[in-house]
Amino acid sequence: MPEQKNHSQSKPNPRMTAFRVLMRVEGEDGYSNIALSETLAAAKPEPRDRAFITRLVYGVLEKTETLDHVISSYTGNGRARVEPEVRCLLRMAVYQMVFMNTPDSAAVNETVNLAKKLRLFRATGFLNGILRSFIRDGKHIPLPDPDRQREKYLSIRYSCPLWLVKLWQKSYGGDIAEKILAGLEGRPPVYLRVNSTRISDGAYLKRLEQAGVKAAAFAVLSGCLAVEETGDIAALPGFAEGLFHVQDASSQLCCAMAAPEAGSVVYDVCAAPGGKSFTLAERMGDSGRVMACDLHPHRVELIAEGAKRLGLRCIEPTVRDALGECLPECADLVLCDVPCSGLGIIRRKPDIKRKAREELSGLPDVQYRILENSSRLVRKGGRLVYSTCTLHPAENLAVIARFLESHDAFEPCPLPLPEGLERAIDEPDYALTLFPHMLNTDGFFISAVRRKDGT
C-alpha cells in the first residue's frame, strides 16, 4: 500500500504542468508550441492528463482577453494589480469553470492547493475570495454593450486585442471582421494532401474509412481530405508509405492556383517545412525540378526527410537566403510564401495575439524585398506567386501592388479560382483573400504576376 501511495504522488500534477507552460509563454521564451512540447516531454503525463494540459494551455492563451476582463471586474485592474503568477492561476481557474465544465469546487480547491505548492501562501485567501464571488455571480462574463461599444464588445466576446479588431473592421468592414473573429475561435481542422503519385483520392479515403478514421473530401479541391480525431498523425494509415502529408486547405489552394506544369522549373523560396513544395511536385507528376529553399540547414533537412518519405525525387532541398543572389530568369514558376504576422493562423498559434502592433510595422518592407529579389528568378512568360498566412492588407495586396507599380516587366496574372470558390471582398482578379468563415481554412492571401514575354 505505501508503494502505491508514493507512486500516485510521483505523478505530475497536470495543473502545475499547465501553469509552468503558461508562465514560460509569459516570459521571454514566448512560443506556446515549443514551451508545451518541451514541458510535456519532461513531465511525461499520461494521455488523459496530456490532453487536459494541452486544452487548458491553448484555451487560456486563446481566451486571455476575456479572462482578464473577468478578473479585472473583481480586482479593479486585473493586469496591473495582480502579480503574474496569481493572475495565471485565476485565468486557469476561470477557464476551467466556464469553458471546460470543471466542477466549481474542484477548480477552486485545486487552484488554492496549487498556490500553496507554489508557496504563494498570501494569495490563497485572495484566490478563494475572487473565485467564489465569481461563482456566486453565476460565472457571468460582463460584456460591454454591443451597440454603444461595438469594438470593445467584439474584443471581449472573441478575446482579441482591440487594435486587431479595429484593423479588421477598417480593412474588411464590420460584418466580415466579426466573421473572422468567430472563424478563428477553437481548434483548427486537420487537412491531408493525398500523394497523387502513389494513390488516388478515393482509394486513400477508403483506407481511412476502413481504419475507422473520420474523413471527408474538401468541397472545392481534389486531393484534399479533412480528418477528425486523428491522434498521432504518424499512426494514420499510409504515413510510412508516403501516401499523404499534412497541409491546410488554404496552402493546397495556393498550390492549385499556382498551377505548375509537368517538367517545369519551380522555386519555392521560403519552403520549410516543405508542404507547398511537396504539393507542387505532386501536381507536376514528380517531373521537372522543384528547388525547395530555406535559410536554415536544419529546416532544409526537414524538407529532405519529407520528400524522401513521400518518394518525390524532383524536389531539391537547398540552403538559400531568399534575399541572396539569384540565377537570372531560370524559373517557370516562383512561389514566395513569405514570413508574415500570421494573423490568419491565430487558432493554431493563439499567442500571436500577444504581439504588439508595432512588431508588425517592418514586415511589409521585408516581404517586398523578398518578392523583388525573387522576381529575378522568373523567366520571360513565367509567373511569380506571392502568398501569406495573414489577414493584413499592408502585408498582402499593398505589397503586390507596390511591386507592380515599380516593375514594368511584370503584369497581373488572373488566378484560376476553383469552381465553387468566390471572393468575399472586392479585390482584383490577380489576388484572393481566404477568410476562415469561407471554407474553414486558415486566413490566407494569394496573388500572381507574370513576366512579360518581350521584356
Protein backbone atom coordinates (compact mmCIF):
# COMPACT_ATOMS: atom_id res chain seq x y z
CA MET A 1 0.00 0.00 0.00
CA PRO A 2 2.73 2.59 0.81
CA GLU A 3 4.34 1.93 -2.60
CA GLN A 4 1.05 2.60 -4.38
CA LYS A 5 0.64 5.86 -2.48
CA ASN A 6 4.16 7.02 -3.33
CA HIS A 7 3.63 6.09 -6.96
CA SER A 8 0.44 8.17 -7.20
CA GLN A 9 2.17 11.11 -5.53
CA SER A 10 5.02 10.95 -8.06
CA LYS A 11 2.65 11.58 -10.96
CA PRO A 12 2.99 15.13 -12.31
CA ASN A 13 0.15 17.46 -11.37
CA PRO A 14 -1.47 18.41 -14.72
CA ARG A 15 -2.46 21.87 -13.49
CA MET A 16 1.08 22.52 -12.29
CA THR A 17 2.38 21.45 -15.70
CA ALA A 18 -0.07 23.77 -17.46
CA PHE A 19 0.91 26.60 -15.10
CA ARG A 20 4.59 26.16 -15.93
CA VAL A 21 3.90 26.27 -19.66
CA LEU A 22 1.78 29.40 -19.37
CA MET A 23 4.31 31.20 -17.20
CA ARG A 24 7.04 30.31 -19.67
CA VAL A 25 4.95 31.76 -22.51
CA GLU A 26 4.54 34.92 -20.43
CA GLY A 27 8.32 35.16 -20.23
CA GLU A 28 10.88 35.75 -22.92
CA ASP A 29 10.61 32.27 -24.45
CA GLY A 30 7.24 33.20 -25.80
CA TYR A 31 6.26 30.37 -28.16
CA SER A 32 3.45 28.20 -26.82
CA ASN A 33 4.03 25.20 -29.09
CA ILE A 34 7.70 24.96 -28.07
CA ALA A 35 7.01 25.57 -24.38
CA LEU A 36 4.22 22.99 -24.35
CA SER A 37 6.07 20.25 -26.24
CA GLU A 38 9.23 20.61 -24.15
CA THR A 39 7.35 20.71 -20.85
CA LEU A 40 5.24 17.68 -21.78
CA ALA A 41 8.36 15.79 -22.82
CA ALA A 42 9.89 16.43 -19.42
CA ALA A 43 6.75 15.72 -17.38
CA LYS A 44 5.66 12.60 -19.33
CA PRO A 45 1.98 12.81 -18.29
CA GLU A 46 -0.50 10.05 -19.01
CA PRO A 47 -2.57 10.51 -22.22
CA ARG A 48 -5.64 11.78 -20.37
CA ASP A 49 -3.60 14.35 -18.41
CA ARG A 50 -1.70 15.31 -21.56
CA ALA A 51 -4.98 16.13 -23.30
CA PHE A 52 -6.15 18.15 -20.26
CA ILE A 53 -2.91 20.14 -20.13
CA THR A 54 -2.95 20.87 -23.85
CA ARG A 55 -6.54 22.02 -23.80
CA LEU A 56 -6.01 24.19 -20.73
CA VAL A 57 -2.86 25.85 -22.08
CA TYR A 58 -4.22 26.66 -25.50
CA GLY A 59 -7.60 27.60 -24.06
CA VAL A 60 -6.15 30.13 -21.64
CA LEU A 61 -4.00 31.63 -24.40
CA GLU A 62 -6.96 31.81 -26.76
CA LYS A 63 -9.25 33.44 -24.17
CA THR A 64 -6.77 35.70 -22.36
CA GLU A 65 -8.57 38.96 -23.20
CA THR A 66 -11.89 37.56 -21.96
CA LEU A 67 -10.39 36.02 -18.83
CA ASP A 68 -8.56 39.21 -17.89
CA HIS A 69 -11.76 41.17 -18.39
CA VAL A 70 -13.48 38.90 -15.86
CA ILE A 71 -10.57 39.19 -13.43
CA SER A 72 -10.46 42.98 -13.69
CA SER A 73 -14.18 43.18 -12.90
CA TYR A 74 -13.34 41.77 -9.43
CA THR A 75 -9.96 43.41 -8.84
CA GLY A 76 -10.43 46.82 -10.44
CA ASN A 77 -7.41 46.38 -12.69
CA GLY A 78 -6.55 42.74 -13.40
CA ARG A 79 -3.29 43.20 -15.27
CA ALA A 80 -1.65 45.91 -13.20
CA ARG A 81 -2.54 45.00 -9.61
CA VAL A 82 -2.34 41.20 -9.67
CA GLU A 83 1.10 39.61 -9.78
CA PRO A 84 1.73 37.40 -12.85
CA GLU A 85 1.68 34.03 -11.02
CA VAL A 86 -1.64 34.81 -9.30
CA ARG A 87 -3.16 36.17 -12.49
CA CYS A 88 -2.16 32.97 -14.29
CA LEU A 89 -3.86 30.85 -11.60
CA LEU A 90 -7.02 32.96 -11.88
CA ARG A 91 -7.06 32.61 -15.66
CA MET A 92 -6.69 28.85 -15.37
CA ALA A 93 -9.47 28.54 -12.80
CA VAL A 94 -11.96 30.74 -14.64
CA TYR A 95 -11.25 28.96 -17.92
CA GLN A 96 -11.85 25.57 -16.33
CA MET A 97 -15.18 26.63 -14.84
CA VAL A 98 -16.52 28.47 -17.89
CA PHE A 99 -15.10 26.59 -20.86
CA MET A 100 -14.16 23.11 -19.58
CA ASN A 101 -17.15 22.39 -17.33
CA THR A 102 -14.84 21.58 -14.43
CA PRO A 103 -16.88 21.41 -11.20
CA ASP A 104 -16.66 24.71 -9.37
CA SER A 105 -15.42 23.16 -6.12
CA ALA A 106 -12.67 21.25 -7.92
CA ALA A 107 -11.50 24.34 -9.80
CA VAL A 108 -11.35 26.43 -6.62
CA ASN A 109 -9.77 23.80 -4.39
CA GLU A 110 -7.17 22.76 -6.97
CA THR A 111 -6.25 26.38 -7.60
CA VAL A 112 -5.78 27.15 -3.90
CA ASN A 113 -3.76 23.94 -3.42
CA LEU A 114 -1.61 24.83 -6.40
CA ALA A 115 -0.94 28.27 -4.90
CA LYS A 116 0.25 26.56 -1.71
CA LYS A 117 2.58 24.28 -3.67
CA LEU A 118 3.97 27.37 -5.36
CA ARG A 119 4.46 28.91 -1.89
CA LEU A 120 2.06 31.75 -2.72
CA PHE A 121 0.54 31.49 0.75
CA ARG A 122 -0.55 35.12 0.99
CA ALA A 123 -2.53 34.76 -2.23
CA THR A 124 -4.65 31.78 -1.17
CA GLY A 125 -7.36 33.84 0.52
CA PHE A 126 -7.43 36.30 -2.37
CA LEU A 127 -7.79 33.49 -4.92
CA ASN A 128 -10.50 31.76 -2.92
CA GLY A 129 -12.45 35.00 -2.48
CA ILE A 130 -12.31 36.06 -6.14
CA LEU A 131 -13.30 32.64 -7.46
CA ARG A 132 -16.16 32.14 -5.01
CA SER A 133 -17.50 35.62 -5.80
CA PHE A 134 -17.40 34.71 -9.48
CA ILE A 135 -19.36 31.52 -8.76
CA ARG A 136 -21.95 33.39 -6.67
CA ASP A 137 -22.47 35.78 -9.58
CA GLY A 138 -23.38 32.85 -11.82
CA LYS A 139 -19.99 32.80 -13.55
CA HIS A 140 -21.23 35.70 -15.64
CA ILE A 141 -18.90 37.35 -18.17
CA PRO A 142 -19.83 41.07 -18.17
CA LEU A 143 -19.72 42.05 -21.85
CA PRO A 144 -19.82 45.70 -22.99
CA ASP A 145 -22.94 46.97 -24.74
CA PRO A 146 -22.59 45.80 -28.39
CA ASP A 147 -24.46 48.87 -29.67
CA ARG A 148 -22.58 51.53 -27.71
CA GLN A 149 -19.13 49.92 -27.50
CA ARG A 150 -19.05 47.67 -30.54
CA GLU A 151 -15.28 47.30 -30.85
CA LYS A 152 -14.74 46.65 -27.15
CA TYR A 153 -17.63 44.17 -27.16
CA LEU A 154 -16.03 42.22 -30.04
CA SER A 155 -12.65 42.34 -28.31
CA ILE A 156 -14.01 40.78 -25.11
CA ARG A 157 -16.55 38.46 -26.78
CA TYR A 158 -13.93 36.91 -29.09
CA SER A 159 -10.91 37.53 -26.85
CA CYS A 160 -8.97 39.54 -29.39
CA PRO A 161 -6.80 42.64 -28.84
CA LEU A 162 -8.69 45.86 -29.51
CA TRP A 163 -6.16 47.07 -32.07
CA LEU A 164 -6.69 43.93 -34.15
CA VAL A 165 -10.49 44.26 -34.02
CA LYS A 166 -10.13 47.84 -35.26
CA LEU A 167 -7.72 46.77 -38.03
CA TRP A 168 -10.11 44.15 -39.39
CA GLN A 169 -13.13 46.43 -39.16
CA LYS A 170 -11.31 49.18 -41.06
CA SER A 171 -9.86 46.76 -43.64
CA TYR A 172 -12.79 44.46 -44.36
CA GLY A 173 -15.91 46.01 -42.81
CA GLY A 174 -17.81 45.15 -39.63
CA ASP A 175 -19.62 42.07 -40.94
CA ILE A 176 -16.53 40.28 -42.22
CA ALA A 177 -14.48 41.42 -39.21
CA GLU A 178 -16.86 39.60 -36.85
CA LYS A 179 -16.87 36.55 -39.12
CA ILE A 180 -13.06 36.50 -38.96
CA LEU A 181 -13.18 36.65 -35.17
CA ALA A 182 -15.72 33.84 -34.98
CA GLY A 183 -13.84 31.77 -37.56
CA LEU A 184 -10.58 31.98 -35.63
CA GLU A 185 -12.08 30.57 -32.42
CA GLY A 186 -11.48 27.00 -31.31
CA ARG A 187 -9.13 24.41 -32.71
CA PRO A 188 -8.47 24.29 -36.46
CA PRO A 189 -9.39 21.34 -38.69
CA VAL A 190 -6.73 18.93 -39.92
CA TYR A 191 -6.35 18.58 -43.68
CA LEU A 192 -4.34 15.96 -45.53
CA ARG A 193 -2.90 16.22 -49.03
CA VAL A 194 -3.15 12.86 -50.80
CA ASN A 195 0.07 11.95 -52.63
CA SER A 196 -1.32 11.58 -56.13
CA THR A 197 1.92 9.99 -57.36
CA ARG A 198 1.19 6.94 -55.17
CA ILE A 199 -2.58 6.64 -54.60
CA SER A 200 -5.88 8.14 -55.74
CA ASP A 201 -8.14 10.24 -53.52
CA GLY A 202 -10.85 7.62 -53.48
CA ALA A 203 -8.53 4.74 -52.67
CA TYR A 204 -6.92 6.58 -49.77
CA LEU A 205 -10.26 7.80 -48.42
CA LYS A 206 -11.41 4.17 -48.39
CA ARG A 207 -8.30 3.16 -46.41
CA LEU A 208 -9.06 5.81 -43.82
CA GLU A 209 -12.67 4.71 -43.52
CA GLN A 210 -11.61 1.06 -43.12
CA ALA A 211 -9.32 2.15 -40.27
CA GLY A 212 -12.20 3.94 -38.56
CA VAL A 213 -10.85 7.44 -39.26
CA LYS A 214 -13.49 10.09 -39.94
CA ALA A 215 -12.59 11.79 -43.20
CA ALA A 216 -14.30 13.79 -45.93
CA ALA A 217 -13.28 15.30 -49.26
CA PHE A 218 -12.75 19.07 -49.26
CA ALA A 219 -15.51 20.93 -51.10
CA VAL A 220 -13.61 22.77 -53.87
CA LEU A 221 -10.31 20.94 -54.26
CA SER A 222 -9.47 17.36 -55.23
CA GLY A 223 -6.75 15.57 -53.28
CA CYS A 224 -7.62 17.39 -50.06
CA LEU A 225 -9.21 15.48 -47.17
CA ALA A 226 -10.47 16.80 -43.83
CA VAL A 227 -9.91 14.33 -41.00
CA GLU A 228 -11.25 14.24 -37.43
CA GLU A 229 -9.91 12.80 -34.18
CA THR A 230 -6.62 11.86 -35.78
CA GLY A 231 -4.45 11.48 -32.69
CA ASP A 232 -0.87 10.78 -33.76
CA ILE A 233 -0.56 11.70 -37.45
CA ALA A 234 2.24 9.16 -37.92
CA ALA A 235 -0.20 6.41 -36.86
CA LEU A 236 -2.62 7.15 -39.72
CA PRO A 237 -2.81 4.54 -42.49
CA GLY A 238 -0.20 5.09 -45.17
CA PHE A 239 2.03 7.54 -43.31
CA ALA A 240 5.16 5.39 -43.55
CA GLU A 241 4.27 4.62 -47.19
CA GLY A 242 4.21 8.33 -48.00
CA LEU A 243 0.57 8.39 -49.08
CA PHE A 244 -0.10 11.87 -47.66
CA HIS A 245 1.26 14.88 -45.86
CA VAL A 246 -0.50 17.34 -43.55
CA GLN A 247 -1.25 20.71 -45.15
CA ASP A 248 -4.01 23.22 -44.57
CA ALA A 249 -6.52 23.54 -47.40
CA SER A 250 -5.55 27.20 -47.90
CA SER A 251 -1.98 26.23 -48.77
CA GLN A 252 -3.26 23.48 -51.04
CA LEU A 253 -5.45 26.04 -52.83
CA CYS A 254 -2.41 28.27 -53.24
CA CYS A 255 -0.54 25.44 -54.99
CA ALA A 256 -3.56 24.68 -57.16
CA MET A 257 -3.78 28.30 -58.33
CA ALA A 258 -0.02 28.40 -58.91
CA ALA A 259 -0.77 25.64 -61.46
CA PRO A 260 2.76 24.25 -62.04
CA GLU A 261 3.23 22.31 -65.27
CA ALA A 262 4.86 18.88 -65.53
CA GLY A 263 8.54 19.15 -66.37
CA SER A 264 8.83 22.81 -65.37
CA VAL A 265 11.39 24.53 -63.12
CA VAL A 266 9.91 25.80 -59.86
CA TYR A 267 11.46 27.75 -57.00
CA ASP A 268 9.82 27.71 -53.56
CA VAL A 269 11.94 30.42 -51.96
CA CYS A 270 10.67 30.12 -48.35
CA ALA A 271 9.84 26.42 -48.41
CA ALA A 272 10.35 24.91 -44.94
CA PRO A 273 8.94 22.64 -43.66
CA GLY A 274 8.09 21.72 -47.25
CA GLY A 275 4.32 21.30 -47.56
CA LYS A 276 3.92 23.53 -50.62
CA SER A 277 6.98 22.04 -52.32
CA PHE A 278 5.52 18.56 -51.86
CA THR A 279 2.15 19.56 -53.29
CA LEU A 280 3.72 21.38 -56.25
CA ALA A 281 5.87 18.32 -57.01
CA GLU A 282 2.86 16.02 -56.84
CA ARG A 283 0.91 18.30 -59.17
CA MET A 284 3.85 18.09 -61.60
CA GLY A 285 3.76 14.31 -61.54
CA ASP A 286 7.18 14.31 -59.84
CA SER A 287 8.80 15.59 -63.05
CA GLY A 288 10.90 18.69 -63.66
CA ARG A 289 12.65 20.43 -60.74
CA VAL A 290 11.34 21.92 -57.51
CA MET A 291 14.02 23.94 -55.75
CA ALA A 292 12.83 23.94 -52.13
CA CYS A 293 14.82 26.66 -50.38
CA ASP A 294 15.29 27.81 -46.81
CA LEU A 295 17.88 29.83 -44.94
CA HIS A 296 18.41 27.31 -42.12
CA PRO A 297 20.13 23.95 -42.79
CA HIS A 298 18.13 22.07 -40.12
CA ARG A 299 14.88 23.18 -41.75
CA VAL A 300 16.15 22.15 -45.17
CA GLU A 301 16.82 18.74 -43.66
CA LEU A 302 13.13 18.55 -42.70
CA ILE A 303 12.21 19.15 -46.34
CA ALA A 304 14.61 16.40 -47.44
CA GLU A 305 13.13 13.94 -44.93
CA GLY A 306 9.59 14.72 -46.03
CA ALA A 307 10.42 14.39 -49.73
CA LYS A 308 12.08 11.03 -49.08
CA ARG A 309 9.05 9.69 -47.19
CA LEU A 310 6.75 10.81 -50.00
CA GLY A 311 9.05 9.41 -52.67
CA LEU A 312 9.30 12.76 -54.51
CA ARG A 313 12.54 12.77 -56.44
CA CYS A 314 12.13 16.07 -58.31
CA ILE A 315 12.48 18.09 -55.09
CA GLU A 316 15.93 19.59 -54.50
CA PRO A 317 16.22 20.82 -50.89
CA THR A 318 18.52 23.84 -50.95
CA VAL A 319 20.04 26.12 -48.32
CA ARG A 320 19.46 29.60 -49.70
CA ASP A 321 18.72 33.10 -48.39
CA ALA A 322 15.57 34.48 -50.04
CA LEU A 323 17.39 37.83 -50.13
CA GLY A 324 20.56 36.31 -51.56
CA GLU A 325 21.97 36.10 -55.08
CA CYS A 326 19.63 34.81 -57.81
CA LEU A 327 20.25 32.88 -61.00
CA PRO A 328 18.79 35.16 -63.71
CA GLU A 329 15.47 34.23 -65.36
CA CYS A 330 15.67 30.47 -64.91
CA ALA A 331 12.30 29.51 -63.40
CA ASP A 332 8.87 28.91 -64.91
CA LEU A 333 7.25 29.47 -61.53
CA VAL A 334 8.48 31.12 -58.34
CA LEU A 335 6.49 30.84 -55.11
CA CYS A 336 7.11 33.43 -52.41
CA ASP A 337 5.22 32.32 -49.31
CA VAL A 338 6.86 34.99 -47.20
CA PRO A 339 7.33 35.37 -43.43
CA CYS A 340 4.37 37.31 -42.07
CA SER A 341 2.46 38.31 -38.94
CA GLY A 342 0.42 35.09 -39.00
CA LEU A 343 -2.90 36.78 -38.23
CA GLY A 344 -4.68 34.15 -40.29
CA ILE A 345 -3.47 31.23 -38.16
CA ILE A 346 -4.34 32.54 -34.70
CA ARG A 347 -6.34 29.43 -33.86
CA ARG A 348 -3.17 27.37 -34.47
CA LYS A 349 -0.93 29.77 -32.57
CA PRO A 350 -3.08 31.80 -30.15
CA ASP A 351 -0.03 33.51 -28.65
CA ILE A 352 0.19 35.51 -31.91
CA LYS A 353 -2.48 37.74 -30.33
CA ARG A 354 0.07 38.76 -27.70
CA LYS A 355 2.15 40.60 -30.30
CA ALA A 356 2.15 44.38 -30.19
CA ARG A 357 1.02 46.15 -33.34
CA GLU A 358 4.41 47.84 -33.55
CA GLU A 359 6.08 44.46 -34.09
CA LEU A 360 4.36 44.14 -37.47
CA SER A 361 5.33 47.52 -38.90
CA GLY A 362 8.56 46.38 -40.58
CA LEU A 363 7.18 43.24 -42.21
CA PRO A 364 5.87 44.73 -45.50
CA ASP A 365 9.32 46.05 -46.41
CA VAL A 366 10.93 42.65 -45.76
CA GLN A 367 8.20 40.93 -47.77
CA TYR A 368 8.65 43.38 -50.65
CA ARG A 369 12.41 42.82 -50.71
CA ILE A 370 11.93 39.03 -50.87
CA LEU A 371 9.38 39.43 -53.66
CA GLU A 372 11.56 41.84 -55.62
CA ASN A 373 14.67 39.70 -55.27
CA SER A 374 12.83 36.51 -56.20
CA SER A 375 11.43 38.15 -59.34
CA ARG A 376 14.93 37.92 -60.82
CA LEU A 377 14.49 34.14 -60.98
CA VAL A 378 11.44 34.32 -63.26
CA ARG A 379 11.95 33.67 -66.99
CA LYS A 380 10.04 35.52 -69.71
CA GLY A 381 6.46 34.28 -69.65
CA GLY A 382 6.99 32.77 -66.20
CA ARG A 383 4.89 33.50 -63.12
CA LEU A 384 5.58 34.81 -59.64
CA VAL A 385 3.13 33.82 -56.88
CA TYR A 386 3.08 35.78 -53.63
CA SER A 387 1.29 34.43 -50.56
CA THR A 388 0.96 34.90 -46.80
CA CYS A 389 -0.96 33.33 -43.94
CA THR A 390 -2.05 36.70 -42.58
CA LEU A 391 -5.12 38.93 -42.81
CA HIS A 392 -3.49 42.33 -43.03
CA PRO A 393 -3.81 44.36 -46.27
CA ALA A 394 -0.47 46.09 -45.67
CA GLU A 395 1.25 42.70 -45.92
CA ASN A 396 -0.95 41.42 -48.73
CA LEU A 397 -2.39 43.40 -51.62
CA ALA A 398 -0.33 46.50 -50.78
CA VAL A 399 2.93 44.56 -51.25
CA ILE A 400 1.99 43.07 -54.62
CA ALA A 401 0.53 46.40 -55.81
CA ARG A 402 3.76 48.17 -54.86
CA PHE A 403 5.71 45.57 -56.82
CA LEU A 404 3.61 46.01 -59.96
CA GLU A 405 3.92 49.80 -59.78
CA SER A 406 7.72 49.62 -59.82
CA HIS A 407 8.32 46.66 -62.16
CA ASP A 408 7.15 47.29 -65.71
CA ALA A 409 8.45 43.89 -66.81
CA PHE A 410 5.61 42.22 -64.87
CA GLU A 411 1.85 42.27 -65.32
CA PRO A 412 -1.07 40.97 -63.22
CA CYS A 413 -1.90 37.30 -63.76
CA PRO A 414 -5.54 36.33 -63.02
CA LEU A 415 -5.91 33.47 -60.54
CA PRO A 416 -7.78 30.37 -61.74
CA LEU A 417 -10.31 30.05 -58.92
CA PRO A 418 -11.73 26.52 -58.48
CA GLU A 419 -15.41 26.08 -59.18
CA GLY A 420 -17.43 26.88 -56.07
CA LEU A 421 -14.94 29.39 -54.64
CA GLU A 422 -15.97 33.04 -54.73
CA ARG A 423 -14.28 36.13 -53.33
CA ALA A 424 -15.68 37.52 -50.09
CA ILE A 425 -14.41 41.05 -50.69
CA ASP A 426 -13.86 43.34 -53.66
CA GLU A 427 -10.32 42.67 -54.90
CA PRO A 428 -8.58 42.35 -58.30
CA ASP A 429 -8.67 39.08 -60.23
CA TYR A 430 -4.95 38.50 -59.61
CA ALA A 431 -5.49 38.37 -55.82
CA LEU A 432 -7.57 36.30 -53.40
CA THR A 433 -8.09 36.66 -49.66
CA LEU A 434 -9.28 33.49 -47.95
CA PHE A 435 -11.17 34.09 -44.70
CA PRO A 436 -11.72 31.25 -42.18
CA HIS A 437 -15.51 31.52 -42.44
CA MET A 438 -15.46 30.86 -46.19
CA LEU A 439 -14.29 27.23 -46.26
CA ASN A 440 -12.99 26.67 -42.72
CA THR A 441 -9.37 27.18 -43.77
CA ASP A 442 -6.61 29.33 -42.34
CA GLY A 443 -6.76 33.01 -43.17
CA PHE A 444 -4.62 33.31 -46.29
CA PHE A 445 -3.68 35.61 -49.19
CA ILE A 446 -2.68 34.54 -52.72
CA SER A 447 -1.68 36.67 -55.71
CA ALA A 448 0.15 36.19 -59.02
CA VAL A 449 2.04 38.25 -61.59
CA ARG A 450 3.69 37.29 -64.89
CA ARG A 451 6.91 38.41 -66.55
CA LYS A 452 6.01 39.77 -69.95
CA ASP A 453 7.29 37.79 -72.93
CA GLY A 454 9.03 40.73 -74.56
CA THR A 455 10.99 42.02 -71.54
